[in-house]
C-alpha cells in the first residue's frame, strides 16, 4: 500500500470537511469530472474552489461534484442540499460513471444506463431527497491509498474521551475475491453513534457495509454485506473482535482480517446472494478491546489507529483529541 494522509483537520462545518476530502482525493489521483457551485455548471471539470458561499463555493444551495477513480470510470456523486443546510447531503455511486441525464446548476448527472446506487439520501436526480450527516465533525481524519484507491473519511467530536465517531465513509477494495468479480469493492457509509463497531459493521439490520453481488451478471444486486466475526467452536459468543487478551508474548493488541460475507435484502431464494465477497484491504478487527485513537505498531511505529472495534492505516502522528 502507498497510503497518504490528511490528519488532525479541524473544519468549521461539514461542508468544509467534504471540501477538504474532495481536495485531498484530487491530490491522491482522483479527478472531478463534472461539478456545479449551485449557479455555474461545469460539464468537464471542477468549478468548486472553496468551502464558502458565492462563486466557486461548496456552501451554496444544490452544489455538487463527481469524483472519479484514477484510470477508471467508478465515481461518487456528492450533492449538498437545495435548502442550504450544512448537514443534509445526497451521495451516489456508479461503476460506469455519471455521464448521462440532464445535469445542471442544481441537478446532478445520472450514471450511464442509470447504473447508479444511493449511498446516502433518496429520491431521484430530478427530485432529490437529502439525508442528515452527523454533526460530530470537529476533527477530520482522511487516508487514501494511491495504489488500490482505497480511502477513508472519519469525523468525530473533539473531547477528552472520544466515545462516538461522527461520520464514516470507507471505500474498501477487497482481497482474495473471485477474479470474475467486476466490482471488487465494499462501501461503508455510517453516520450513527455505533459506526465502526461490531454492532453495525456485522449487523445487516443496522448500518453495515454495502457491495455489488454478481455485478454485470444475471441477478445483479447491490446489498448489505456484513463483516464476519470470529467465534470458538461450540461457543455462541463472539471472540473477535474485542474479547481476546493482549498477546501473551509481546503484550500488544493483535489484529485480525475482516471477511465480508453474507447479504441482506432479498427474500426470493432464487436470487438471494448469501456468500463471500472478499477480505477488507484496510480495516482489521481489534482482538482486544481498544480505545478510540489508540495507535498500534504492527509493521512500524504507530502505523495503525483504533476507531471503535477496528483499526485502519495511520501515519504515526498523535491524533487530535
Protein backbone atom coordinates (compact mmCIF):
# COMPACT_ATOMS: atom_id res chain seq x y z
CA UNK A 1 0.00 0.00 0.00
CA UNK A 2 1.03 3.60 -0.65
CA UNK A 3 -1.14 5.45 1.83
CA UNK A 4 -1.11 9.21 2.15
CA UNK A 5 -2.92 11.14 4.85
CA UNK A 6 -4.55 14.41 5.78
CA UNK A 7 -4.79 14.23 9.55
CA UNK A 8 -5.89 16.34 12.51
CA UNK A 9 -8.00 18.71 10.45
CA UNK A 10 -10.46 20.93 12.34
CA UNK A 11 -13.02 22.09 9.78
CA UNK A 12 -15.66 24.57 10.99
CA UNK A 13 -18.52 22.89 9.10
CA UNK A 14 -19.47 19.63 7.40
CA UNK A 15 -19.27 21.44 4.08
CA UNK A 16 -15.67 22.35 4.89
CA UNK A 17 -14.96 18.70 5.76
CA UNK A 18 -16.32 17.47 2.46
CA UNK A 19 -14.41 20.17 0.58
CA UNK A 20 -11.16 19.12 2.30
CA UNK A 21 -11.89 15.50 1.40
CA UNK A 22 -12.51 16.41 -2.24
CA UNK A 23 -9.26 18.36 -2.45
CA UNK A 24 -7.30 15.59 -0.80
CA UNK A 25 -8.73 12.93 -3.11
CA UNK A 26 -7.77 15.04 -6.13
CA UNK A 27 -4.23 15.28 -4.76
CA UNK A 28 -4.31 11.47 -4.47
CA UNK A 29 -5.08 10.98 -8.16
CA UNK A 30 -8.88 11.16 -8.32
CA UNK A 31 -10.45 13.72 -10.65
CA UNK A 32 -13.55 15.90 -10.55
CA UNK A 33 -15.16 15.03 -13.88
CA UNK A 34 -18.07 17.50 -13.57
CA UNK A 35 -19.43 19.87 -10.96
CA UNK A 36 -21.57 22.88 -10.09
CA UNK A 37 -21.34 25.61 -7.46
CA UNK A 38 -25.11 25.92 -7.43
CA UNK A 39 -25.09 28.53 -10.19
CA UNK A 40 -22.36 27.59 -12.66
CA UNK A 41 -22.33 24.07 -14.10
CA UNK A 42 -19.05 22.70 -15.46
CA UNK A 43 -19.62 19.51 -17.52
CA UNK A 44 -15.93 18.59 -17.68
CA UNK A 45 -14.13 19.77 -14.58
CA UNK A 46 -14.11 21.26 -11.11
CA UNK A 47 -15.75 24.62 -10.58
CA UNK A 48 -15.71 24.30 -6.77
CA UNK A 49 -12.67 26.08 -5.37
CA UNK A 50 -13.62 26.87 -1.76
CA UNK A 51 -15.82 25.61 1.10
CA UNK A 52 -17.54 29.00 1.31
CA UNK A 53 -20.55 30.73 -0.22
CA UNK A 54 -20.53 32.55 -3.52
CA UNK A 55 -18.89 31.83 -6.84
CA UNK A 56 -16.86 28.62 -6.73
CA UNK A 57 -18.11 27.78 -3.24
CA UNK A 58 -19.39 24.44 -1.99
CA UNK A 59 -21.60 26.10 0.66
CA UNK A 60 -24.29 27.14 -1.84
CA UNK A 61 -27.70 25.56 -2.41
CA UNK A 62 -27.60 22.45 -4.57
CA UNK A 63 -23.84 22.35 -5.20
CA UNK A 64 -22.47 19.03 -6.42
CA UNK A 65 -19.39 17.31 -7.79
CA UNK A 66 -18.48 13.96 -9.35
CA UNK A 67 -15.28 12.37 -8.06
CA UNK A 68 -13.84 9.79 -10.46
CA UNK A 69 -11.43 6.98 -9.62
CA UNK A 70 -7.97 7.13 -11.26
CA UNK A 71 -7.76 5.22 -14.55
CA UNK A 72 -11.33 4.02 -14.22
CA UNK A 73 -14.95 5.11 -14.55
CA UNK A 74 -16.04 4.35 -10.97
CA UNK A 75 -17.37 7.53 -9.46
CA UNK A 76 -19.08 9.11 -6.48
CA UNK A 77 -21.52 11.96 -6.98
CA UNK A 78 -21.89 14.21 -3.92
CA UNK A 79 -24.57 16.90 -3.62
CA UNK A 80 -25.27 19.49 -0.95
CA UNK A 81 -28.95 20.07 -0.34
CA UNK A 82 -31.04 22.67 -2.15
CA UNK A 83 -32.24 24.18 1.17
CA UNK A 84 -28.82 25.48 2.22
CA UNK A 85 -28.47 23.37 5.38
CA UNK A 86 -24.92 22.28 6.15
CA UNK A 87 -25.85 18.79 7.35
CA UNK A 88 -28.10 17.50 4.53
CA UNK A 89 -26.42 15.63 1.64
CA UNK A 90 -27.02 13.01 -1.07
CA UNK A 91 -24.32 10.63 -2.36
CA UNK A 92 -24.46 8.22 -5.30
CA UNK A 93 -22.08 5.56 -6.58
CA UNK A 94 -21.64 4.29 -10.13
CA UNK A 95 -19.30 1.78 -11.72
CA UNK A 96 -19.66 3.22 -15.23
CA UNK A 97 -19.63 6.89 -14.26
CA UNK A 98 -22.03 9.84 -14.25
CA UNK A 99 -22.19 10.84 -17.90
CA UNK A 100 -25.92 10.90 -18.63
CA UNK A 101 -29.15 12.55 -17.53
CA UNK A 102 -29.90 16.28 -17.56
CA UNK A 103 -27.31 17.82 -15.23
CA UNK A 104 -27.45 21.48 -14.39
CA UNK A 105 -26.61 24.03 -11.75
CA UNK A 106 -28.58 22.21 -9.02
CA UNK A 107 -29.22 18.84 -10.68
CA UNK A 108 -26.67 16.06 -10.68
CA UNK A 109 -25.89 13.90 -13.70
CA UNK A 110 -27.22 10.36 -13.95
CA UNK A 111 -24.97 7.37 -14.46
CA UNK A 112 -24.86 5.88 -17.94
CA UNK A 113 -27.68 3.34 -18.35
CA UNK A 114 -28.93 4.56 -14.96
CA UNK A 115 -26.23 2.42 -13.36
CA UNK A 116 -26.20 4.18 -10.00
CA UNK A 117 -26.96 3.35 -6.39
CA UNK A 118 -27.64 5.66 -3.48
CA UNK A 119 -25.17 5.65 -0.61
CA UNK A 120 -26.92 8.50 1.22
CA UNK A 121 -30.27 10.14 0.61
CA UNK A 122 -33.18 9.12 -1.59
CA UNK A 123 -35.40 10.35 -4.39
CA UNK A 124 -34.38 10.97 -7.99
CA UNK A 125 -31.93 13.32 -9.63
CA UNK A 126 -34.89 15.48 -10.67
CA UNK A 127 -36.40 15.37 -7.15
CA UNK A 128 -33.59 14.54 -4.73
CA UNK A 129 -34.16 13.78 -1.06
CA UNK A 130 -31.31 14.64 1.26
CA UNK A 131 -30.27 12.91 4.49
CA UNK A 132 -28.62 14.31 7.60
CA UNK A 133 -24.97 13.67 8.39
CA UNK A 134 -23.75 13.67 11.98
CA UNK A 135 -22.63 17.00 13.43
CA UNK A 136 -19.78 15.29 15.37
CA UNK A 137 -17.38 16.95 13.00
CA UNK A 138 -14.76 18.97 14.87
CA UNK A 139 -11.90 16.65 13.85
CA UNK A 140 -11.44 15.09 10.41
CA UNK A 141 -9.03 12.27 9.52
CA UNK A 142 -8.52 11.17 5.90
CA UNK A 143 -6.39 8.43 4.39
CA UNK A 144 -6.10 7.20 0.80
CA UNK A 145 -4.08 4.51 -0.94
CA UNK A 146 -2.61 5.61 -4.26
CA UNK A 147 -2.25 2.01 -5.44
CA UNK A 148 -5.62 0.41 -4.68
CA UNK A 149 -7.65 3.66 -4.48
CA UNK A 150 -8.94 2.74 -1.03
CA UNK A 151 -9.88 5.69 1.15
CA UNK A 152 -11.39 6.58 4.48
CA UNK A 153 -13.04 9.75 5.76
CA UNK A 154 -13.75 9.90 9.50
CA UNK A 155 -15.02 12.75 11.66
CA UNK A 156 -15.57 12.95 15.39
CA UNK A 157 -16.22 15.50 18.09
CA UNK A 158 -13.03 16.54 19.85
CA UNK A 159 -13.43 15.75 23.55
CA UNK A 160 -11.22 14.25 26.22
CA UNK A 161 -12.93 10.88 25.67
CA UNK A 162 -13.87 10.11 22.06
CA UNK A 163 -16.90 7.92 22.79
CA UNK A 164 -18.61 8.15 19.41
CA UNK A 165 -17.33 8.54 15.89
CA UNK A 166 -19.29 11.10 13.87
CA UNK A 167 -19.19 10.13 10.20
CA UNK A 168 -17.51 7.25 8.39
CA UNK A 169 -17.03 6.90 4.64
CA UNK A 170 -14.80 4.00 3.59
CA UNK A 171 -14.09 2.71 0.08
CA UNK A 172 -12.58 -0.70 0.60
CA UNK A 173 -11.05 -2.76 -2.25
CA UNK A 174 -11.40 -6.39 -1.24
CA UNK A 175 -8.68 -9.03 -1.32
CA UNK A 176 -8.90 -12.75 -2.16
CA UNK A 177 -12.10 -12.20 -4.12
CA UNK A 178 -13.10 -14.17 -7.23
CA UNK A 179 -11.24 -12.89 -10.29
CA UNK A 180 -14.57 -12.67 -12.14
CA UNK A 181 -15.88 -10.02 -9.72
CA UNK A 182 -16.49 -6.90 -11.84
CA UNK A 183 -16.68 -4.55 -8.85
CA UNK A 184 -14.40 -5.83 -6.06
CA UNK A 185 -15.19 -3.03 -3.63
CA UNK A 186 -17.15 -2.58 -0.43
CA UNK A 187 -18.56 0.80 0.60
CA UNK A 188 -19.18 1.62 4.24
CA UNK A 189 -21.06 4.85 4.99
CA UNK A 190 -22.25 5.35 8.54
CA UNK A 191 -23.32 8.44 10.48
CA UNK A 192 -24.73 6.74 13.59
CA UNK A 193 -23.31 6.58 17.10
CA UNK A 194 -22.40 2.92 16.54
CA UNK A 195 -20.29 3.47 13.45
CA UNK A 196 -17.14 1.32 13.21
CA UNK A 197 -18.42 -1.03 15.90
CA UNK A 198 -19.32 -4.69 15.53
CA UNK A 199 -22.94 -3.73 16.27
CA UNK A 200 -23.15 -2.01 12.89
CA UNK A 201 -20.37 -3.46 10.74
CA UNK A 202 -21.54 -7.03 11.32
CA UNK A 203 -25.29 -6.48 11.50
CA UNK A 204 -27.25 -6.16 8.23
CA UNK A 205 -30.24 -4.78 10.11
CA UNK A 206 -28.10 -1.78 11.07
CA UNK A 207 -25.79 0.42 9.00
CA UNK A 208 -23.38 -2.22 7.76
CA UNK A 209 -21.24 -2.06 4.59
CA UNK A 210 -22.72 -2.46 1.10
CA UNK A 211 -21.47 -4.04 -2.12
CA UNK A 212 -22.39 -5.39 -5.53
CA UNK A 213 -23.05 -9.10 -5.75
CA UNK A 214 -22.81 -10.57 -9.26
CA UNK A 215 -22.04 -7.20 -10.79
CA UNK A 216 -22.64 -7.34 -14.57
CA UNK A 217 -24.23 -10.80 -14.36
CA UNK A 218 -27.77 -12.08 -14.00
CA UNK A 219 -29.45 -11.17 -10.71
CA UNK A 220 -27.02 -8.33 -10.06
CA UNK A 221 -27.78 -6.77 -6.68
CA UNK A 222 -26.35 -4.00 -4.53
CA UNK A 223 -26.79 -5.26 -0.97
CA UNK A 224 -25.58 -5.00 2.57
CA UNK A 225 -22.61 -7.25 3.30
CA UNK A 226 -21.75 -7.93 6.96
CA UNK A 227 -18.22 -8.15 8.29
CA UNK A 228 -17.81 -11.61 9.80
CA UNK A 229 -16.89 -12.01 13.45
CA UNK A 230 -14.95 -14.93 14.95
CA UNK A 231 -16.34 -17.45 17.42
CA UNK A 232 -14.86 -20.52 19.08
CA UNK A 233 -16.14 -23.97 18.11
CA UNK A 234 -19.23 -24.86 20.06
CA UNK A 235 -19.48 -21.41 21.66
CA UNK A 236 -22.12 -18.84 20.67
CA UNK A 237 -20.25 -15.77 21.86
CA UNK A 238 -18.02 -13.64 19.68
CA UNK A 239 -14.31 -13.81 20.50
CA UNK A 240 -13.02 -11.46 17.79
CA UNK A 241 -13.36 -8.52 17.94
CA UNK A 242 -12.53 -7.34 21.44
CA UNK A 243 -12.65 -10.42 23.71
CA UNK A 244 -9.07 -11.73 23.45
CA UNK A 245 -6.43 -10.64 25.96
CA UNK A 246 -3.37 -8.86 24.66
CA UNK A 247 -0.74 -11.05 23.04
CA UNK A 248 0.87 -13.28 25.66
CA UNK A 249 4.37 -12.80 24.23
CA UNK A 250 4.68 -9.10 23.42
CA UNK A 251 1.68 -7.57 25.22
CA UNK A 252 0.31 -6.00 22.04
CA UNK A 253 -3.24 -5.89 20.71
CA UNK A 254 -3.46 -8.47 17.94
CA UNK A 255 -5.34 -7.59 14.74
CA UNK A 256 -7.35 -9.91 12.50
CA UNK A 257 -8.61 -9.87 8.91
CA UNK A 258 -12.18 -8.79 8.27
CA UNK A 259 -14.05 -11.15 5.95
CA UNK A 260 -17.08 -9.80 4.11
CA UNK A 261 -19.72 -12.49 3.57
CA UNK A 262 -23.49 -12.78 3.51
CA UNK A 263 -26.10 -10.34 2.33
CA UNK A 264 -29.41 -8.88 3.26
CA UNK A 265 -32.24 -7.51 1.19
CA UNK A 266 -33.87 -10.31 -0.80
CA UNK A 267 -36.35 -12.94 0.30
CA UNK A 268 -36.59 -14.75 -3.01
CA UNK A 269 -34.22 -17.67 -2.64
CA UNK A 270 -33.72 -17.85 -6.41
CA UNK A 271 -31.85 -14.56 -6.40
CA UNK A 272 -30.57 -14.14 -2.86
CA UNK A 273 -26.79 -13.84 -2.69
CA UNK A 274 -25.65 -15.09 0.68
CA UNK A 275 -21.99 -15.63 0.08
CA UNK A 276 -18.42 -14.47 0.14
CA UNK A 277 -17.27 -11.07 -1.15
CA UNK A 278 -13.64 -10.82 -0.02
CA UNK A 279 -11.32 -9.61 2.72
CA UNK A 280 -11.06 -5.97 3.72
CA UNK A 281 -7.83 -4.43 2.47
CA UNK A 282 -7.75 -1.59 5.01
CA UNK A 283 -9.87 -2.48 8.06
CA UNK A 284 -8.85 -5.06 10.65
CA UNK A 285 -10.61 -6.24 13.80
CA UNK A 286 -9.11 -5.43 17.20
CA UNK A 287 -8.51 -8.69 19.03
CA UNK A 288 -8.58 -6.84 22.34
CA UNK A 289 -10.98 -4.03 23.22
CA UNK A 290 -9.21 -0.85 22.19
CA UNK A 291 -9.79 2.83 22.87
CA UNK A 292 -10.62 5.27 20.11
CA UNK A 293 -7.46 6.91 18.70
CA UNK A 294 -5.06 4.41 20.28
CA UNK A 295 -2.10 3.81 18.00
CA UNK A 296 -0.92 0.30 17.19
CA UNK A 297 2.52 -0.62 15.89
CA UNK A 298 2.26 -3.57 13.53
CA UNK A 299 4.98 -3.05 10.91
CA UNK A 300 6.23 0.34 12.10
CA UNK A 301 5.59 2.71 14.98
CA UNK A 302 2.01 3.96 15.04
CA UNK A 303 1.11 2.55 11.62
CA UNK A 304 -2.47 1.63 12.68
CA UNK A 305 -5.13 3.62 14.57
CA UNK A 306 -8.10 2.31 16.55
CA UNK A 307 -11.60 3.50 15.74
CA UNK A 308 -14.32 1.59 17.55
CA UNK A 309 -13.81 -2.15 17.07
CA UNK A 310 -11.46 -1.86 14.09
CA UNK A 311 -8.16 -0.28 13.15
CA UNK A 312 -7.00 1.50 10.00
CA UNK A 313 -3.70 2.58 8.41
CA UNK A 314 -2.13 5.61 10.08
CA UNK A 315 0.93 7.82 9.74
CA UNK A 316 2.31 7.61 13.28
CA UNK A 317 1.30 11.12 14.32
CA UNK A 318 -0.50 11.77 17.59
CA UNK A 319 -4.19 12.14 16.70
CA UNK A 320 -6.17 15.13 17.85
CA UNK A 321 -8.33 14.64 20.96
